[in-house]
Protein backbone atom coordinates (compact mmCIF):
# COMPACT_ATOMS: atom_id res chain seq x y z
CA MET A 1 0.00 0.00 0.00
CA SER A 2 1.28 3.47 -0.86
CA LYS A 3 1.44 6.11 1.83
CA PRO A 4 -1.73 8.14 2.51
CA VAL A 5 -1.62 11.61 0.96
CA ILE A 6 -1.64 15.06 2.49
CA LEU A 7 -2.62 17.38 -0.37
CA THR A 8 -2.08 21.15 -0.35
CA VAL A 9 -3.62 23.68 -2.75
CA ASP A 10 -2.42 27.29 -3.05
CA ASP A 11 -2.15 29.50 -6.14
CA ASP A 12 0.78 31.44 -4.62
CA PRO A 13 3.90 29.39 -5.55
CA GLY A 14 5.84 30.72 -2.57
CA VAL A 15 3.13 29.79 -0.07
CA SER A 16 2.57 26.45 -1.82
CA ARG A 17 6.24 25.54 -1.49
CA ALA A 18 6.32 26.70 2.15
CA VAL A 19 3.33 24.56 3.12
CA ALA A 20 4.75 21.50 1.37
CA ARG A 21 8.17 22.10 2.93
CA ASP A 22 6.78 22.26 6.47
CA LEU A 23 4.63 19.19 5.90
CA ARG A 24 7.51 17.12 4.51
CA ARG A 25 9.73 18.13 7.40
CA ARG A 26 7.40 16.46 9.90
CA TYR A 27 5.24 13.92 8.03
CA ALA A 28 7.21 12.62 5.04
CA GLU A 29 8.07 9.37 6.79
CA SER A 30 4.43 8.25 7.04
CA TYR A 31 2.62 10.37 4.43
CA ARG A 32 3.12 11.43 0.83
CA ILE A 33 2.96 15.21 0.44
CA VAL A 34 1.35 16.36 -2.82
CA ARG A 35 0.88 19.99 -3.79
CA ALA A 36 -1.19 21.72 -6.45
CA GLU A 37 -1.40 25.36 -7.47
CA SER A 38 -5.09 25.56 -8.39
CA GLY A 39 -8.37 23.95 -7.41
CA PRO A 40 -8.99 22.29 -10.81
CA GLN A 41 -5.45 20.87 -10.82
CA ALA A 42 -5.97 19.51 -7.31
CA LEU A 43 -9.28 17.87 -8.31
CA GLU A 44 -7.61 16.15 -11.25
CA THR A 45 -4.92 14.89 -8.88
CA LEU A 46 -7.56 13.52 -6.50
CA LYS A 47 -9.38 11.78 -9.37
CA GLU A 48 -6.16 10.06 -10.42
CA MET A 49 -5.51 9.06 -6.82
CA ARG A 50 -9.00 7.59 -6.53
CA LEU A 51 -8.49 5.53 -9.69
CA ARG A 52 -5.21 4.20 -8.28
CA GLY A 53 -6.84 3.39 -4.94
CA ASP A 54 -4.71 5.87 -2.96
CA GLU A 55 -6.00 7.33 0.30
CA ALA A 56 -6.22 11.04 1.09
CA ALA A 57 -5.84 11.88 4.77
CA VAL A 58 -5.83 15.70 4.91
CA LEU A 59 -6.68 18.38 2.34
CA VAL A 60 -5.21 21.84 2.99
CA ALA A 61 -6.63 24.52 0.67
CA ASP A 62 -6.07 28.27 0.43
CA HIS A 63 -9.31 30.22 0.74
CA ARG A 64 -8.76 32.92 -1.90
CA MET A 65 -7.79 31.46 -5.29
CA PRO A 66 -8.80 32.97 -8.68
CA GLU A 67 -10.11 29.91 -10.58
CA MET A 68 -11.77 28.14 -7.70
CA THR A 69 -11.92 29.16 -4.05
CA GLY A 70 -10.68 26.84 -1.36
CA VAL A 71 -14.23 26.26 -0.15
CA GLU A 72 -15.41 25.35 -3.67
CA PHE A 73 -12.50 22.93 -4.03
CA LEU A 74 -13.14 21.26 -0.66
CA GLU A 75 -16.84 20.95 -1.45
CA GLN A 76 -16.11 19.06 -4.69
CA ALA A 77 -13.31 17.06 -3.08
CA MET A 78 -15.81 15.67 -0.55
CA ASP A 79 -17.40 13.61 -3.32
CA LEU A 80 -14.07 11.92 -4.05
CA TYR A 81 -12.75 11.60 -0.48
CA PRO A 82 -15.60 12.06 2.01
CA PHE A 83 -13.43 11.03 4.97
CA ALA A 84 -10.43 13.27 4.29
CA ARG A 85 -9.96 15.98 6.92
CA ARG A 86 -10.53 19.48 5.54
CA VAL A 87 -8.40 22.48 6.53
CA LEU A 88 -8.75 25.99 5.06
CA LEU A 89 -5.81 28.42 4.85
CA THR A 90 -6.91 32.02 5.15
CA ALA A 91 -5.52 35.49 5.75
CA TYR A 92 -6.71 37.42 8.78
CA ALA A 93 -8.82 39.72 6.59
CA ASP A 94 -10.77 36.72 5.24
CA THR A 95 -11.64 35.05 8.55
CA ASP A 96 -15.28 36.20 8.51
CA ALA A 97 -15.78 34.72 5.04
CA ALA A 98 -14.05 31.52 6.14
CA ILE A 99 -16.27 31.19 9.20
CA ARG A 100 -19.42 31.73 7.14
CA ALA A 101 -18.27 29.00 4.75
CA ILE A 102 -17.58 26.45 7.46
CA ASN A 103 -21.01 24.83 7.32
CA VAL A 104 -20.84 24.48 3.53
CA VAL A 105 -18.08 21.88 3.66
CA ASP A 106 -18.16 21.05 7.38
CA LEU A 107 -14.59 22.27 7.80
CA ASP A 108 -12.51 20.55 10.44
CA HIS A 109 -10.26 23.59 10.99
CA TYR A 110 -9.05 26.82 9.46
CA LEU A 111 -5.51 28.20 9.73
CA LEU A 112 -4.37 31.80 9.59
CA LYS A 113 -1.40 32.79 7.43
CA PRO A 114 1.42 33.07 8.31
CA TRP A 115 1.68 30.10 10.68
CA ASN A 116 5.18 30.63 12.06
CA PRO A 117 6.45 28.98 14.10
CA PRO A 118 4.94 25.76 12.68
CA GLU A 119 5.71 23.88 15.90
CA GLU A 120 3.12 26.04 17.67
CA LYS A 121 0.63 27.10 15.01
CA PHE A 122 0.73 24.48 12.25
CA TYR A 123 1.84 21.04 13.40
CA PRO A 124 -0.61 20.72 16.36
CA VAL A 125 -3.52 21.32 13.97
CA ILE A 126 -2.32 18.78 11.40
CA ASP A 127 -1.46 16.28 14.16
CA ALA A 128 -5.04 16.49 15.44
CA GLN A 129 -6.51 16.06 11.96
CA LEU A 130 -4.33 13.05 11.19
CA ASP A 131 -5.20 11.48 14.53
CA ALA A 132 -8.92 11.96 13.83
CA TRP A 133 -8.53 10.51 10.31
CA LEU A 134 -6.72 7.43 11.61
CA ARG A 135 -9.37 6.80 14.25
CA GLN A 136 -12.46 7.11 12.08
CA ASP A 137 -14.20 4.26 10.33
CA ARG A 138 -13.66 4.89 6.62
CA GLU A 139 -16.07 2.31 5.22
CA ARG A 140 -17.86 3.55 2.11
CA PRO A 141 -21.28 5.07 2.93
CA GLU A 142 -22.92 3.03 0.19
CA GLU A 143 -22.42 -0.15 2.18
CA LEU A 144 -25.41 0.63 4.41
CA ARG A 145 -28.65 1.42 2.64
CA VAL A 146 -31.98 2.58 4.02
CA ILE A 147 -35.14 2.27 1.92
CA GLY A 148 -38.43 3.84 2.97
CA HIS A 149 -41.28 6.22 2.29
CA ARG A 150 -40.56 9.94 2.01
CA TRP A 151 -43.10 10.81 4.71
CA SER A 152 -42.68 7.78 6.97
CA ALA A 153 -42.08 8.69 10.61
CA ARG A 154 -40.09 5.50 11.25
CA SER A 155 -37.96 6.08 8.15
CA TYR A 156 -37.06 9.49 9.56
CA GLU A 157 -36.32 8.02 13.01
CA ILE A 158 -33.94 5.44 11.55
CA ARG A 159 -32.09 8.01 9.44
CA ASP A 160 -31.86 10.32 12.44
CA PHE A 161 -30.55 7.47 14.63
CA LEU A 162 -27.84 6.59 12.10
CA ALA A 163 -26.82 10.19 11.48
CA ARG A 164 -26.56 11.08 15.17
CA ASN A 165 -24.51 7.95 15.83
CA GLN A 166 -22.10 8.88 13.01
CA VAL A 167 -23.06 5.84 10.89
CA PRO A 168 -22.85 6.65 7.13
CA TYR A 169 -25.68 5.40 4.97
CA THR A 170 -27.39 5.87 1.62
CA TRP A 171 -31.07 6.84 1.65
CA MET A 172 -33.39 5.56 -1.08
CA LEU A 173 -37.08 6.12 -1.63
CA ASP A 174 -39.02 2.90 -2.15
CA GLU A 175 -40.07 4.19 -5.59
CA ASP A 176 -36.48 4.77 -6.78
CA PRO A 177 -35.30 2.35 -9.53
CA GLU A 178 -32.15 1.39 -7.59
CA ALA A 179 -34.29 0.30 -4.64
CA ALA A 180 -36.23 -2.26 -6.73
CA PRO A 181 -33.70 -5.13 -6.56
CA LEU A 182 -33.29 -4.70 -2.81
CA LEU A 183 -37.04 -4.74 -2.26
CA ALA A 184 -37.29 -7.82 -4.46
CA ALA A 185 -34.58 -9.55 -2.42
CA ALA A 186 -36.53 -8.82 0.76
CA GLY A 187 -39.57 -10.56 -0.70
CA GLY A 188 -43.14 -9.48 -1.26
CA GLY A 189 -44.89 -7.80 1.61
CA CYS A 190 -41.69 -6.72 3.33
CA ARG A 191 -42.08 -4.07 6.02
CA LEU A 192 -40.56 -0.64 5.43
CA PRO A 193 -38.25 0.99 6.24
CA LEU A 194 -35.75 -1.58 5.01
CA VAL A 195 -32.12 -1.49 6.16
CA VAL A 196 -29.53 -3.43 4.14
CA THR A 197 -26.18 -3.83 5.92
CA SER A 198 -22.75 -4.14 4.34
CA ASP A 199 -22.84 -7.95 4.49
CA GLY A 200 -26.24 -8.10 2.78
CA THR A 201 -28.33 -8.65 5.91
CA ILE A 202 -31.83 -7.24 5.47
CA LEU A 203 -33.62 -5.70 8.46
CA GLN A 204 -37.31 -4.92 8.12
CA ALA A 205 -38.49 -1.93 10.20
CA PRO A 206 -35.84 -2.67 12.85
CA ALA A 207 -36.04 -1.37 16.41
CA ASP A 208 -33.20 0.88 17.58
CA ALA A 209 -31.49 -1.89 19.57
CA GLU A 210 -31.55 -4.29 16.59
CA LEU A 211 -30.25 -1.58 14.29
CA ALA A 212 -27.50 -0.58 16.73
CA ALA A 213 -26.24 -4.15 17.00
CA ALA A 214 -26.34 -4.59 13.22
CA VAL A 215 -24.16 -1.53 12.54
CA GLY A 216 -21.59 -2.35 15.22
CA LEU A 217 -22.69 -0.10 18.07
CA SER A 218 -22.21 -1.67 21.48
CA THR A 219 -25.44 -2.65 23.27
CA THR A 220 -24.09 -5.12 25.86
CA PRO A 221 -21.83 -4.25 28.83
CA ASP A 222 -18.57 -6.12 29.29
CA ALA A 223 -19.08 -6.56 33.04
CA ASP A 224 -21.80 -6.72 35.68
CA PHE A 225 -20.17 -4.24 38.09
CA TYR A 226 -18.48 -0.87 37.56
CA ASP A 227 -17.03 1.88 39.64
CA LEU A 228 -19.28 4.38 37.86
CA VAL A 229 -22.34 4.15 35.62
CA VAL A 230 -23.28 7.32 33.73
CA VAL A 231 -26.88 7.46 32.52
CA GLY A 232 -27.18 9.65 29.42
CA GLY A 233 -24.73 10.58 26.66
CA GLY A 234 -25.22 14.33 26.28
CA PRO A 235 -22.49 16.86 27.13
CA GLY A 236 -22.89 16.23 30.87
CA GLY A 237 -22.74 12.46 30.50
CA LEU A 238 -19.85 12.53 28.04
CA GLY A 239 -17.97 14.94 30.32
CA ALA A 240 -18.50 12.57 33.27
CA ALA A 241 -17.36 9.57 31.19
CA VAL A 242 -14.18 11.36 30.06
CA TYR A 243 -13.23 12.50 33.55
CA GLY A 244 -14.28 9.27 35.26
CA ALA A 245 -12.34 7.01 32.90
CA SER A 246 -9.31 9.30 32.75
CA GLU A 247 -9.09 9.25 36.55
CA GLY A 248 -9.04 5.48 36.81
CA LEU A 249 -12.69 4.65 37.46
CA ARG A 250 -14.09 1.72 35.51
CA THR A 251 -16.78 3.70 33.73
CA LEU A 252 -19.84 2.70 31.72
CA LEU A 253 -21.99 5.23 29.85
CA VAL A 254 -25.50 4.10 28.90
CA GLU A 255 -27.40 6.11 26.27
CA ARG A 256 -30.97 5.43 25.16
CA HIS A 257 -30.65 6.90 21.66
CA ALA A 258 -27.46 8.64 20.49
CA THR A 259 -24.54 10.31 22.20
CA GLY A 260 -24.56 14.08 22.01
CA GLY A 261 -28.05 14.52 23.42
CA GLN A 262 -29.95 17.67 22.56
CA ALA A 263 -26.67 19.50 21.88
CA GLY A 264 -25.70 16.83 19.35
CA GLN A 265 -28.58 17.98 17.15
CA SER A 266 -27.24 21.53 16.93
CA SER A 267 -26.07 22.63 13.49
CA ARG A 268 -23.51 25.05 14.93
CA ILE A 269 -22.38 25.90 18.49
CA GLU A 270 -20.41 29.13 18.41
CA ASN A 271 -20.13 30.13 22.08
CA TYR A 272 -18.35 27.03 23.41
CA LEU A 273 -14.93 27.74 24.89
CA GLY A 274 -12.01 26.80 22.64
CA PHE A 275 -13.93 26.79 19.33
CA PRO A 276 -13.75 30.38 18.04
CA ASP A 277 -14.96 29.32 14.59
CA GLY A 278 -17.79 27.23 15.99
CA VAL A 279 -18.38 23.50 15.98
CA SER A 280 -21.40 21.43 15.02
CA GLY A 281 -23.10 19.46 17.76
CA SER A 282 -22.30 16.18 16.01
CA GLN A 283 -18.62 17.10 15.73
CA LEU A 284 -18.42 18.01 19.42
CA ALA A 285 -20.21 14.79 20.40
CA ASP A 286 -17.97 12.70 18.17
CA ARG A 287 -14.80 14.20 19.65
CA ALA A 288 -16.07 13.71 23.21
CA ARG A 289 -17.11 10.12 22.46
CA ARG A 290 -13.70 9.27 21.01
CA GLN A 291 -12.03 10.93 23.97
CA ALA A 292 -14.06 8.84 26.44
CA VAL A 293 -13.25 5.62 24.58
CA LYS A 294 -9.56 6.60 24.44
CA PHE A 295 -9.48 6.67 28.25
CA GLY A 296 -11.20 3.29 28.50
CA ALA A 297 -14.86 4.14 29.09
CA GLU A 298 -17.47 1.74 27.72
CA LEU A 299 -20.36 3.25 25.75
CA LEU A 300 -23.70 1.51 25.25
CA THR A 301 -26.22 2.80 22.70
CA ALA A 302 -29.97 2.19 22.30
CA CYS A 303 -30.25 1.01 25.90
CA PRO A 304 -33.05 2.83 27.75
CA ILE A 305 -32.88 2.58 31.56
CA THR A 306 -36.13 2.00 33.42
CA GLY A 307 -35.09 1.61 37.06
CA LEU A 308 -32.60 2.51 39.79
CA GLU A 309 -32.26 1.12 43.29
CA ALA A 310 -29.85 0.83 46.20
CA ARG A 311 -28.74 -2.65 47.21
CA GLY A 312 -26.50 -2.28 50.19
CA ARG A 313 -23.53 -0.21 49.07
CA ALA A 314 -24.20 -0.92 45.39
CA ARG A 315 -26.36 1.17 43.07
CA VAL A 316 -28.19 -0.88 40.45
CA VAL A 317 -29.67 0.38 37.18
CA ARG A 318 -32.17 -1.74 35.26
CA LEU A 319 -32.36 -1.69 31.46
CA ALA A 320 -35.59 -1.85 29.49
CA ASP A 321 -34.89 -5.46 28.50
CA GLY A 322 -34.60 -6.51 32.16
CA ARG A 323 -30.80 -6.64 32.41
CA GLU A 324 -29.19 -5.09 35.49
CA ILE A 325 -25.87 -3.30 35.94
CA ALA A 326 -24.41 -2.47 39.36
CA ALA A 327 -21.88 0.17 40.35
CA HIS A 328 -20.38 1.95 43.33
CA ALA A 329 -21.86 5.23 42.10
CA VAL A 330 -24.22 6.54 39.42
CA ILE A 331 -24.34 9.90 37.63
CA LEU A 332 -27.71 10.87 36.13
CA ALA A 333 -27.20 12.94 32.96
CA MET A 334 -30.29 12.15 30.88
CA GLY A 335 -30.70 15.71 29.67
CA VAL A 336 -33.99 17.08 28.41
CA SER A 337 -36.15 16.93 25.31
CA TYR A 338 -38.21 19.65 23.65
CA ARG A 339 -41.72 20.05 24.97
CA ARG A 340 -44.48 18.85 22.66
CA LEU A 341 -46.93 21.29 21.15
CA THR A 342 -50.54 20.40 21.91
CA ALA A 343 -52.22 22.10 18.94
CA PRO A 344 -54.67 19.85 17.04
CA GLY A 345 -53.17 17.76 14.25
CA LEU A 346 -49.51 18.11 15.25
CA GLU A 347 -48.99 14.82 17.05
CA ASP A 348 -50.19 12.76 14.08
CA LEU A 349 -47.63 14.46 11.83
CA VAL A 350 -44.49 14.02 13.97
CA GLY A 351 -41.73 12.68 11.72
CA ARG A 352 -43.83 13.54 8.67
CA GLY A 353 -43.15 17.25 8.44
CA VAL A 354 -43.24 18.09 12.17
CA TYR A 355 -39.90 17.64 13.94
CA TYR A 356 -38.74 18.28 17.50
CA GLY A 357 -35.16 19.48 17.38
CA ALA A 358 -32.88 20.29 14.51
CA ALA A 359 -33.64 17.18 12.40
CA LEU A 360 -30.52 17.84 10.33
CA THR A 361 -31.27 14.84 8.13
CA GLU A 362 -34.24 16.79 6.75
CA ALA A 363 -32.36 20.01 5.99
CA PRO A 364 -31.45 19.09 2.37
CA ALA A 365 -35.11 18.36 1.59
CA CYS A 366 -36.05 21.90 2.66
CA ALA A 367 -34.42 23.41 -0.45
CA GLY A 368 -36.76 25.93 -2.02
CA GLN A 369 -39.38 25.51 0.75
CA GLU A 370 -40.79 27.95 3.28
CA VAL A 371 -39.85 26.52 6.68
CA TYR A 372 -41.29 27.34 10.11
CA VAL A 373 -39.32 27.27 13.36
CA VAL A 374 -41.00 27.54 16.76
CA GLY A 375 -38.88 28.85 19.63
CA GLY A 376 -36.81 31.85 20.65
CA ALA A 377 -33.76 30.33 22.35
CA ASN A 378 -30.31 29.56 20.95
CA SER A 379 -31.22 26.14 19.56
CA ALA A 380 -34.01 27.65 17.47
CA GLY A 381 -31.74 30.45 16.25
CA GLN A 382 -28.96 28.04 15.27
CA ALA A 383 -31.44 25.89 13.35
CA ALA A 384 -32.92 28.89 11.57
CA VAL A 385 -29.50 30.11 10.42
CA HIS A 386 -28.63 26.60 9.20
CA LEU A 387 -31.93 26.06 7.38
CA ALA A 388 -31.72 29.48 5.71
CA ARG A 389 -28.81 28.21 3.62
CA SER A 390 -31.15 26.02 1.59
CA ALA A 391 -34.73 27.04 2.36
CA LYS A 392 -36.54 29.70 0.37
CA LYS A 393 -37.63 31.40 3.61
CA VAL A 394 -37.39 30.61 7.33
CA HIS A 395 -40.13 31.91 9.63
CA ILE A 396 -39.35 32.03 13.37
CA LEU A 397 -42.52 31.98 15.48
CA ILE A 398 -42.26 33.31 19.04
CA ARG A 399 -44.90 34.17 21.64
CA SER A 400 -42.90 37.06 23.12
CA GLU A 401 -42.17 40.54 21.81
CA GLY A 402 -38.66 39.67 20.56
CA LEU A 403 -35.62 37.41 20.81
CA GLU A 404 -33.58 39.53 23.23
CA LYS A 405 -34.67 37.80 26.46
CA SER A 406 -33.96 34.23 25.38
CA MET A 407 -31.33 34.24 22.61
CA SER A 408 -27.62 35.11 22.66
CA HIS A 409 -26.70 38.48 21.15
CA TYR A 410 -24.38 36.98 18.51
CA LEU A 411 -27.21 34.84 17.12
CA ILE A 412 -29.66 37.73 17.04
CA GLN A 413 -27.12 39.69 14.99
CA GLN A 414 -26.71 36.80 12.56
CA ILE A 415 -30.46 36.45 12.11
CA GLU A 416 -30.90 40.19 11.54
CA GLY A 417 -28.27 39.97 8.78
CA ILE A 418 -30.05 37.19 6.85
CA ASP A 419 -32.80 38.43 4.55
CA ASP A 420 -34.36 34.98 4.24
CA ILE A 421 -35.22 34.79 7.95
CA GLU A 422 -38.31 36.56 9.30
CA VAL A 423 -39.23 36.71 13.00
CA HIS A 424 -42.96 36.71 13.87
CA PRO A 425 -43.58 37.95 17.44
CA HIS A 426 -46.76 37.11 19.38
CA THR A 427 -47.38 34.18 17.03
CA GLU A 428 -48.06 30.52 17.82
CA VAL A 429 -49.24 27.39 16.05
CA ALA A 430 -52.98 26.86 16.51
CA ALA A 431 -53.33 23.72 14.37
CA ALA A 432 -51.66 21.57 11.73
CA GLU A 433 -53.31 20.04 8.69
CA GLY A 434 -52.31 17.43 6.14
CA GLY A 435 -52.76 13.93 4.80
CA ASP A 436 -49.70 11.69 4.80
CA HIS A 437 -47.53 14.72 5.69
CA LEU A 438 -47.75 18.30 6.92
CA GLU A 439 -49.39 20.56 4.34
CA ARG A 440 -50.70 23.60 6.23
CA LEU A 441 -50.32 25.43 9.54
CA VAL A 442 -52.91 27.56 11.25
CA LEU A 443 -51.13 30.44 12.99
CA ARG A 444 -52.63 32.48 15.83
CA THR A 445 -51.54 36.14 15.71
CA PRO A 446 -52.74 39.37 17.36
CA GLU A 447 -54.69 40.06 14.16
CA GLY A 448 -56.43 36.68 14.31
CA GLU A 449 -55.83 33.25 12.81
CA ARG A 450 -54.41 32.69 9.34
CA THR A 451 -53.54 29.55 7.38
CA VAL A 452 -50.22 29.13 5.55
CA ASP A 453 -48.87 26.40 3.29
CA ALA A 454 -46.07 24.53 5.08
CA GLN A 455 -44.36 21.18 4.74
CA TYR A 456 -41.73 21.60 7.48
CA LEU A 457 -42.13 22.67 11.10
CA PHE A 458 -39.22 22.46 13.57
CA VAL A 459 -40.03 22.91 17.26
CA PHE A 460 -37.57 24.11 19.93
CA ILE A 461 -39.58 25.02 23.02
CA GLY A 462 -39.30 24.19 26.70
CA ALA A 463 -37.25 21.57 28.45
CA GLN A 464 -38.78 18.27 29.53
CA PRO A 465 -36.47 16.06 31.65
CA HIS A 466 -36.28 12.30 31.10
CA THR A 467 -36.97 11.44 34.74
CA GLU A 468 -40.35 9.71 34.77
CA TRP A 469 -38.60 6.41 35.59
CA LEU A 470 -37.20 7.98 38.78
CA GLU A 471 -40.64 8.49 40.38
CA GLY A 472 -40.36 7.49 44.04
CA VAL A 473 -36.63 6.83 43.72
CA VAL A 474 -34.98 10.26 44.00
CA GLU A 475 -36.49 13.64 44.87
CA ARG A 476 -37.55 15.83 41.95
CA ASP A 477 -39.13 19.25 41.68
CA GLU A 478 -42.65 19.90 40.38
CA ARG A 479 -41.38 19.92 36.75
CA GLY A 480 -39.50 16.63 37.10
CA PHE A 481 -35.95 18.00 37.41
CA VAL A 482 -33.70 16.18 39.88
CA LEU A 483 -33.02 17.98 43.17
CA THR A 484 -29.44 17.88 44.42
CA GLY A 485 -27.29 19.10 47.30
CA PRO A 486 -28.44 22.32 48.97
CA ASP A 487 -31.70 22.34 47.00
CA LEU A 488 -32.74 19.18 48.86
CA VAL A 489 -32.17 20.71 52.27
CA ALA A 490 -33.58 24.13 51.32
CA GLY A 491 -36.72 22.50 50.01
CA GLY A 492 -37.24 20.55 53.22
CA ARG A 493 -36.64 17.27 51.40
CA ARG A 494 -33.73 16.01 53.43
CA PRO A 495 -33.46 12.29 52.61
CA ALA A 496 -34.89 10.03 55.29
CA GLY A 497 -32.28 7.95 57.06
CA TRP A 498 -29.37 10.27 56.33
CA PRO A 499 -27.17 10.92 59.42
CA LEU A 500 -27.70 14.44 60.77
CA HIS A 501 -24.03 15.27 60.23
CA ARG A 502 -24.16 14.05 56.61
CA GLN A 503 -24.91 16.85 54.16
CA PRO A 504 -25.51 15.84 50.55
CA TYR A 505 -22.70 16.87 48.23
CA HIS A 506 -23.42 19.71 45.81
CA LEU A 507 -24.58 17.45 42.93
CA GLU A 508 -25.73 14.48 45.03
CA THR A 509 -29.36 13.39 44.88
CA SER A 510 -31.54 12.11 47.70
CA MET A 511 -30.03 8.64 47.16
CA PRO A 512 -26.45 8.63 48.49
CA GLY A 513 -23.93 7.78 45.80
CA VAL A 514 -26.22 8.96 43.01
CA PHE A 515 -25.38 12.34 41.45
CA ALA A 516 -27.00 14.49 38.75
CA ALA A 517 -25.24 16.52 36.04
CA GLY A 518 -26.33 18.79 33.22
CA ASP A 519 -29.78 19.85 32.12
CA VAL A 520 -31.62 17.15 34.11
CA ARG A 521 -30.54 18.83 37.37
CA ALA A 522 -32.84 21.43 38.90
CA GLU A 523 -31.46 24.98 38.73
CA SER A 524 -28.81 24.04 36.13
CA MET A 525 -27.70 26.60 33.55
CA LYS A 526 -29.02 24.66 30.54
CA ARG A 527 -25.84 25.31 28.55
CA VAL A 528 -23.36 22.90 26.94
CA ALA A 529 -20.40 24.30 28.90
CA SER A 530 -22.17 24.12 32.26
CA ALA A 531 -23.29 20.53 31.57
CA VAL A 532 -19.70 19.49 30.84
CA GLY A 533 -18.61 21.27 34.02
CA ASP A 534 -21.27 19.41 36.00
CA GLY A 535 -19.97 16.11 34.62
CA ALA A 536 -16.43 16.91 35.74
CA MET A 537 -17.58 18.12 39.17
CA ALA A 538 -19.78 15.07 39.67
CA VAL A 539 -16.79 12.78 39.10
CA ALA A 540 -14.79 14.69 41.73
CA LEU A 541 -17.68 14.24 44.18
CA VAL A 542 -17.90 10.54 43.30
CA HIS A 543 -14.25 10.18 44.34
CA ARG A 544 -15.00 11.96 47.64
CA TYR A 545 -18.03 9.74 48.23
CA LEU A 546 -16.09 6.54 47.52
CA GLU A 547 -13.28 7.58 49.87
CA LYS A 548 -15.74 7.98 52.75
CA ALA A 549 -18.11 5.14 51.93
C-alpha cells in the first residue's frame, strides 16, 4: 500500500512551497505530500488518486484562489474523499468569510497565514486532523442502505438514529429504480423501512437496539459491576465519562438513543470555549465520544434505563430489556427533550413534516421551501441560520415581543443579517393540517388566525427532563428535574435515614452515591459548557463519596 496523501492547494507558488516544505519536514516518513497550485489541478490529482486506490488523509486549501476558491474545491473534493480531513488556509482579513463558509463543507479547521512557528501554530492542527482521520471508520457510505417512504415517521427516526450515531448510509425512496432489486430480495410484503447492511443482511423496520447491534454499536456491557455508571450521553454524560475514565474509574456510559443529546442535534455551536470558529453538535459529540473511549470508558447505545435502586452499598440500574448493571456510584445525565406542542393535528404528523429538534437529516429536503421554526432560544436560532442556507424562507414563530430575552446576542445579529429569515412575534401554532404529511399550519396572531402552506415545522420550546422512571426513587421538583445538594435541604426534602451530620454533596441526589449533572438537574444553567462542568464536578464528588463510603 502506498502512503496516505496530504494534499495542499495554493495559487501562490511561494506559499505552496512553504506549506509542502513544512509538511515534509514532519510527516514525510508516514505520508506522501502532494501539492497543487489551483483547485482544478488539485481535483484532477484527486481523481487520479481515486483511480489508483490511494487514500487522502488531509486536504489543505487556500481560501482565496482565482479559478476556484478553497471552499469550492473542498466541497467538490468531498465527493471523491468524504473522509479526508478538511483544513482551510486564510488570511486574517478573510476570517469572517471563512467562518461563514464552514457549514458548507463542514470544515474541520481553518488556519491563519502566516503560521510561524509551525511547531506552535501548524503542526498541532495537522497532528489532530491526522489522529482523527486514523481513528475514524472509513467504510464507504454506500455499504449501508436505508429504503423507505418519504413521509414515513419510522424512516425518519432510523435516518436520524444513524446520522446522530455517526453511521454513514445511503437513503433511497421505495419508488427509486435502484431500490427495486433490494425490495425484491426482501420478498413481497416486506415491512418498510428496510435497512440493508454491508454484508447483505436485510432488516425490516428494525427497532433501535436491533439496528444498533447490526451496525456495530455496542449494546451489551462487558461486566456486571463498575465503579461508575453514567446514565445519558449528552455533554454532561460525556464529560463525566471522560473525567471518570481518565481518573481510573471503571466507567460505563448508557445512552438510550445517540450520544450528544440535545446539543448533538445543533447545526452550529459558536459560544463554546475553545472553538472560536464554531463546531457542530455532532462534531463536538464525536470528539467527546472518542475521547471517552480513548481513556477506557465503555459506551452503550440504544439502551433505555427503566429503574434505579440501592442494594447495600451498590447502586443498580435496570435496562428496558430486564438486564441489570451495578456500580459503586451513578451519575444521572439524561438531559432534556423539547416540549411537545398540543395544537390539534400536530402529534399525528411528527416525523412527517413536524420535527422536534434540529432534524438535520431533513435540511437538504427543505431546499426551495418555506420553513417554520418555533422557539426563541439559541437552539431555534442556530437551526434557523442553518436552514436558511437552503430554504426559500425561514419563519421564526415566538410568543414574546422579541428574541432579546432568550437568545444570545451573537445569534440575534446573525439572524438580523439574513434576509431569508423573518421573525414573527406574538405568534403561535394553533393547528396543523395534512394527509400523509404536513401541508398547512394555522397560525394564531394578534390580528387573528391565518392559514399558511407549510411542509416543514421544527419545534424548539421548553425543556422536559427524562426522569419519569425515577418516580419514588430520588427527589424531583414539580417539573420533574432532579433535586441535588443544597436544594434538597432548602426545600425541606432532606433524605430520610441520612445521618444528621451528613450533608448531601453539591450534585448528590436524595439517594447517596447517586449524582446528577447537566440539564436534568434542577437549577442548572441549561448550557453545553455548564453541563460538561457538571460532569467533571460530579466525578470529583464521586471520588469523595467513595473515599468515605
